[in-house]
Amino acid sequence: RMLLQPLVRGGQSGVRNAKIAYEKFLSWQWEDLVQLHSSSASKHVSYGSEEARKAAALRLVRCGELSRASKVLISSGLAESSADTTSKLASKHPARATAIDGD
């Protein structure tokens, strides 16, 4: 599965990284392969402005990643960490009233 997931979007670096991953797989270098994949795993990105969001979407469209581009444009992002956010989450996910067997 790790061989099929892209390490870097587009261009020659994507091809180069795919070849490196394939070579690590063939030579049984499992730990290196996992490290290579985890170091390139996508992280949550916060866009500072509407212009930055549009630029990111355009980059994704140029790479042929239309679904991701549309998600960047329509996503409202993560909520700020605050007491208000915490209380809203707690009200949506109340504690269980009765214990389940095994608790």
N, C-alpha and C. Protein backbone atom coordinates (compact mmCIF):
# COMPACT_ATOMS: atom_id res chain seq x y z
N ARG A 1 0.82 -1.19 0.00
CA ARG A 1 0.00 0.00 0.00
C ARG A 1 0.87 1.26 0.00
N MET A 2 1.96 1.27 0.76
CA MET A 2 2.81 2.46 0.80
C MET A 2 3.45 2.74 -0.55
N LEU A 3 3.65 1.72 -1.36
CA LEU A 3 4.25 1.95 -2.66
C LEU A 3 3.29 2.66 -3.60
N LEU A 4 2.00 2.50 -3.38
CA LEU A 4 1.01 3.07 -4.28
C LEU A 4 0.63 4.51 -3.92
N GLN A 5 0.95 4.93 -2.72
CA GLN A 5 0.60 6.29 -2.31
C GLN A 5 1.71 7.25 -2.71
N PRO A 6 1.34 8.39 -3.29
CA PRO A 6 2.37 9.34 -3.73
C PRO A 6 3.10 9.95 -2.54
N LEU A 7 4.41 10.10 -2.70
CA LEU A 7 5.22 10.72 -1.66
C LEU A 7 5.29 12.22 -1.84
N VAL A 8 5.37 12.65 -3.08
CA VAL A 8 5.45 14.07 -3.42
C VAL A 8 4.56 14.28 -4.62
N ARG A 9 3.89 15.41 -4.68
CA ARG A 9 3.01 15.66 -5.82
C ARG A 9 3.81 16.04 -7.05
N GLY A 10 3.59 15.30 -8.12
CA GLY A 10 4.05 15.66 -9.44
C GLY A 10 5.54 15.78 -9.65
N GLY A 11 5.86 15.95 -10.92
CA GLY A 11 7.23 16.24 -11.31
C GLY A 11 8.19 15.09 -11.14
N GLN A 12 9.45 15.39 -11.39
CA GLN A 12 10.50 14.39 -11.32
C GLN A 12 10.77 13.92 -9.90
N SER A 13 10.52 14.79 -8.89
CA SER A 13 10.78 14.34 -7.53
C SER A 13 9.80 13.25 -7.12
N GLY A 14 8.57 13.31 -7.63
CA GLY A 14 7.61 12.25 -7.34
C GLY A 14 8.06 10.92 -7.94
N VAL A 15 8.55 10.97 -9.16
CA VAL A 15 9.05 9.75 -9.82
C VAL A 15 10.28 9.22 -9.09
N ARG A 16 11.19 10.12 -8.73
CA ARG A 16 12.41 9.72 -8.03
C ARG A 16 12.07 9.07 -6.69
N ASN A 17 11.15 9.68 -5.94
CA ASN A 17 10.78 9.11 -4.64
C ASN A 17 10.06 7.77 -4.78
N ALA A 18 9.27 7.62 -5.83
CA ALA A 18 8.61 6.34 -6.07
C ALA A 18 9.65 5.25 -6.34
N LYS A 19 10.69 5.58 -7.10
CA LYS A 19 11.75 4.60 -7.39
C LYS A 19 12.50 4.24 -6.12
N ILE A 20 12.77 5.23 -5.27
CA ILE A 20 13.46 4.96 -4.00
C ILE A 20 12.62 4.03 -3.14
N ALA A 21 11.31 4.31 -3.05
CA ALA A 21 10.42 3.46 -2.25
C ALA A 21 10.39 2.04 -2.80
N TYR A 22 10.34 1.90 -4.11
CA TYR A 22 10.32 0.59 -4.75
C TYR A 22 11.60 -0.18 -4.45
N GLU A 23 12.74 0.49 -4.53
CA GLU A 23 14.02 -0.16 -4.23
C GLU A 23 14.10 -0.60 -2.77
N LYS A 24 13.60 0.23 -1.86
CA LYS A 24 13.59 -0.14 -0.44
C LYS A 24 12.70 -1.35 -0.20
N PHE A 25 11.58 -1.39 -0.92
CA PHE A 25 10.67 -2.53 -0.80
C PHE A 25 11.33 -3.81 -1.29
N LEU A 26 11.97 -3.75 -2.45
CA LEU A 26 12.60 -4.95 -3.02
C LEU A 26 13.78 -5.44 -2.19
N SER A 27 14.44 -4.53 -1.48
CA SER A 27 15.59 -4.94 -0.67
C SER A 27 15.21 -5.16 0.80
N TRP A 28 13.92 -5.27 1.06
CA TRP A 28 13.40 -5.60 2.40
C TRP A 28 13.75 -4.55 3.45
N GLN A 29 13.91 -3.33 3.07
CA GLN A 29 14.23 -2.24 4.01
C GLN A 29 12.92 -1.62 4.51
N TRP A 30 12.17 -2.43 5.26
CA TRP A 30 10.82 -2.04 5.69
C TRP A 30 10.82 -0.79 6.57
N GLU A 31 11.74 -0.74 7.54
CA GLU A 31 11.76 0.41 8.45
C GLU A 31 12.06 1.70 7.68
N ASP A 32 12.98 1.64 6.74
CA ASP A 32 13.29 2.81 5.93
C ASP A 32 12.09 3.23 5.08
N LEU A 33 11.37 2.24 4.57
CA LEU A 33 10.20 2.53 3.75
C LEU A 33 9.11 3.20 4.58
N VAL A 34 8.89 2.71 5.79
CA VAL A 34 7.89 3.32 6.67
C VAL A 34 8.32 4.74 7.03
N GLN A 35 9.59 4.93 7.33
CA GLN A 35 10.09 6.27 7.67
C GLN A 35 9.96 7.22 6.48
N LEU A 36 10.28 6.74 5.30
CA LEU A 36 10.16 7.56 4.10
C LEU A 36 8.72 7.99 3.89
N HIS A 37 7.79 7.06 4.09
CA HIS A 37 6.38 7.38 3.89
C HIS A 37 5.86 8.32 4.98
N SER A 38 6.22 8.05 6.23
CA SER A 38 5.69 8.88 7.32
C SER A 38 6.26 10.29 7.29
N SER A 39 7.47 10.44 6.80
CA SER A 39 8.06 11.79 6.74
C SER A 39 7.41 12.62 5.64
N SER A 40 6.78 11.96 4.66
CA SER A 40 6.15 12.70 3.58
C SER A 40 4.64 12.72 3.70
N ALA A 41 4.10 12.13 4.77
CA ALA A 41 2.64 12.11 4.94
C ALA A 41 2.12 13.53 5.07
N SER A 42 0.95 13.73 4.49
CA SER A 42 0.41 15.08 4.51
C SER A 42 0.02 15.49 5.92
N LYS A 43 0.26 16.73 6.21
CA LYS A 43 -0.08 17.32 7.50
C LYS A 43 -1.18 18.33 7.26
N HIS A 44 -1.88 18.69 8.34
CA HIS A 44 -2.91 19.71 8.21
C HIS A 44 -2.25 21.03 7.85
N VAL A 45 -2.82 21.70 6.87
CA VAL A 45 -2.27 22.98 6.42
C VAL A 45 -3.27 24.07 6.75
N SER A 46 -2.78 25.14 7.32
CA SER A 46 -3.63 26.29 7.62
C SER A 46 -3.28 27.40 6.65
N TYR A 47 -4.30 27.95 6.01
CA TYR A 47 -4.08 29.01 5.03
C TYR A 47 -4.33 30.35 5.71
N GLY A 48 -3.36 31.24 5.65
CA GLY A 48 -3.45 32.51 6.34
C GLY A 48 -4.43 33.49 5.72
N SER A 49 -4.71 33.34 4.44
CA SER A 49 -5.60 34.28 3.77
C SER A 49 -6.36 33.58 2.66
N GLU A 50 -7.36 34.29 2.15
CA GLU A 50 -8.13 33.75 1.03
C GLU A 50 -7.24 33.60 -0.20
N GLU A 51 -6.30 34.53 -0.38
CA GLU A 51 -5.37 34.43 -1.52
C GLU A 51 -4.50 33.18 -1.41
N ALA A 52 -4.03 32.85 -0.21
CA ALA A 52 -3.21 31.66 -0.01
C ALA A 52 -4.03 30.41 -0.31
N ARG A 53 -5.30 30.42 0.08
CA ARG A 53 -6.20 29.29 -0.19
C ARG A 53 -6.39 29.11 -1.70
N LYS A 54 -6.60 30.21 -2.41
CA LYS A 54 -6.77 30.14 -3.87
C LYS A 54 -5.49 29.64 -4.55
N ALA A 55 -4.34 30.13 -4.09
CA ALA A 55 -3.06 29.70 -4.67
C ALA A 55 -2.84 28.21 -4.46
N ALA A 56 -3.18 27.72 -3.26
CA ALA A 56 -3.02 26.29 -2.97
C ALA A 56 -3.94 25.47 -3.87
N ALA A 57 -5.16 25.94 -4.05
CA ALA A 57 -6.11 25.23 -4.92
C ALA A 57 -5.60 25.19 -6.36
N LEU A 58 -5.05 26.29 -6.83
CA LEU A 58 -4.50 26.31 -8.20
C LEU A 58 -3.34 25.33 -8.36
N ARG A 59 -2.47 25.26 -7.34
CA ARG A 59 -1.36 24.30 -7.41
C ARG A 59 -1.90 22.87 -7.50
N LEU A 60 -2.92 22.57 -6.72
CA LEU A 60 -3.50 21.23 -6.75
C LEU A 60 -4.16 20.93 -8.10
N VAL A 61 -4.84 21.92 -8.68
CA VAL A 61 -5.46 21.73 -9.99
C VAL A 61 -4.39 21.44 -11.04
N ARG A 62 -3.27 22.18 -10.98
CA ARG A 62 -2.18 21.94 -11.94
C ARG A 62 -1.59 20.54 -11.82
N CYS A 63 -1.67 19.97 -10.61
CA CYS A 63 -1.18 18.60 -10.40
C CYS A 63 -2.26 17.56 -10.69
N GLY A 64 -3.43 18.02 -11.12
CA GLY A 64 -4.51 17.10 -11.45
C GLY A 64 -5.30 16.62 -10.24
N GLU A 65 -5.15 17.25 -9.10
CA GLU A 65 -5.82 16.83 -7.88
C GLU A 65 -7.05 17.72 -7.67
N LEU A 66 -8.08 17.45 -8.48
CA LEU A 66 -9.27 18.31 -8.48
C LEU A 66 -10.09 18.17 -7.21
N SER A 67 -10.22 16.97 -6.68
CA SER A 67 -11.00 16.78 -5.45
C SER A 67 -10.35 17.51 -4.28
N ARG A 68 -9.04 17.39 -4.16
CA ARG A 68 -8.34 18.10 -3.08
C ARG A 68 -8.45 19.61 -3.26
N ALA A 69 -8.37 20.07 -4.49
CA ALA A 69 -8.48 21.51 -4.74
C ALA A 69 -9.85 22.02 -4.32
N SER A 70 -10.90 21.28 -4.63
CA SER A 70 -12.23 21.72 -4.23
C SER A 70 -12.39 21.70 -2.72
N LYS A 71 -11.78 20.73 -2.05
CA LYS A 71 -11.85 20.69 -0.59
C LYS A 71 -11.14 21.88 0.04
N VAL A 72 -10.02 22.29 -0.56
CA VAL A 72 -9.30 23.46 -0.05
C VAL A 72 -10.19 24.70 -0.16
N LEU A 73 -10.92 24.81 -1.25
CA LEU A 73 -11.74 25.99 -1.47
C LEU A 73 -12.98 26.03 -0.59
N ILE A 74 -13.58 24.87 -0.29
CA ILE A 74 -14.83 24.90 0.47
C ILE A 74 -14.66 24.63 1.96
N SER A 75 -13.49 24.19 2.38
CA SER A 75 -13.27 23.87 3.78
C SER A 75 -13.20 25.13 4.63
N SER A 76 -13.81 25.04 5.81
CA SER A 76 -13.71 26.16 6.74
C SER A 76 -12.53 25.96 7.70
N GLY A 77 -11.80 24.87 7.54
CA GLY A 77 -10.63 24.62 8.37
C GLY A 77 -10.98 24.09 9.75
N LEU A 78 -10.00 24.07 10.61
CA LEU A 78 -10.20 23.62 11.98
C LEU A 78 -10.65 24.77 12.86
N ALA A 79 -11.48 24.44 13.84
CA ALA A 79 -11.93 25.47 14.78
C ALA A 79 -10.78 25.85 15.70
N GLU A 80 -10.80 27.10 16.18
CA GLU A 80 -9.79 27.54 17.13
C GLU A 80 -9.93 26.77 18.43
N SER A 81 -8.82 26.55 19.08
CA SER A 81 -8.84 25.89 20.39
C SER A 81 -9.22 26.92 21.43
N SER A 82 -10.45 26.78 21.96
CA SER A 82 -10.92 27.74 22.95
C SER A 82 -11.91 27.04 23.89
N ALA A 83 -12.26 27.72 24.96
CA ALA A 83 -13.23 27.16 25.91
C ALA A 83 -14.58 26.98 25.23
N ASP A 84 -14.94 27.91 24.35
CA ASP A 84 -16.22 27.81 23.63
C ASP A 84 -16.25 26.57 22.74
N THR A 85 -15.19 26.34 22.01
CA THR A 85 -15.09 25.17 21.14
C THR A 85 -15.17 23.89 21.96
N THR A 86 -14.46 23.85 23.08
CA THR A 86 -14.47 22.68 23.95
C THR A 86 -15.86 22.40 24.48
N SER A 87 -16.58 23.42 24.90
CA SER A 87 -17.92 23.21 25.44
C SER A 87 -18.89 22.76 24.35
N LYS A 88 -18.75 23.28 23.13
CA LYS A 88 -19.61 22.83 22.03
C LYS A 88 -19.35 21.37 21.70
N LEU A 89 -18.08 20.96 21.69
CA LEU A 89 -17.75 19.55 21.43
C LEU A 89 -18.28 18.65 22.55
N ALA A 90 -18.14 19.11 23.79
CA ALA A 90 -18.63 18.32 24.92
C ALA A 90 -20.14 18.15 24.86
N SER A 91 -20.87 19.19 24.43
CA SER A 91 -22.33 19.07 24.33
C SER A 91 -22.75 18.13 23.21
N LYS A 92 -21.94 18.03 22.16
CA LYS A 92 -22.24 17.10 21.07
C LYS A 92 -21.89 15.66 21.42
N HIS A 93 -20.98 15.49 22.36
CA HIS A 93 -20.51 14.15 22.75
C HIS A 93 -20.59 14.00 24.26
N PRO A 94 -21.81 13.88 24.81
CA PRO A 94 -21.95 13.79 26.27
C PRO A 94 -21.40 12.47 26.80
N ALA A 95 -21.06 12.47 28.10
CA ALA A 95 -20.57 11.26 28.75
C ALA A 95 -21.70 10.22 28.79
N ARG A 96 -21.33 8.96 28.77
CA ARG A 96 -22.31 7.87 28.81
C ARG A 96 -23.01 7.85 30.17
N ALA A 97 -24.33 7.70 30.14
CA ALA A 97 -25.11 7.69 31.40
C ALA A 97 -24.93 6.39 32.16
N THR A 98 -24.84 5.27 31.43
CA THR A 98 -24.65 3.97 32.09
C THR A 98 -23.42 3.28 31.54
N ALA A 99 -22.81 2.48 32.38
CA ALA A 99 -21.59 1.77 31.97
C ALA A 99 -21.93 0.61 31.05
N ILE A 100 -21.01 0.30 30.17
CA ILE A 100 -21.13 -0.86 29.30
C ILE A 100 -20.38 -1.99 29.97
N ASP A 101 -20.88 -3.23 29.81
CA ASP A 101 -20.17 -4.38 30.39
C ASP A 101 -18.71 -4.34 29.97
N GLY A 102 -17.82 -4.49 30.95
CA GLY A 102 -16.40 -4.46 30.69
C GLY A 102 -15.77 -3.15 31.09
N ASP A 103 -16.60 -2.13 31.38
CA ASP A 103 -16.05 -0.84 31.84
C ASP A 103 -15.73 -0.87 33.31
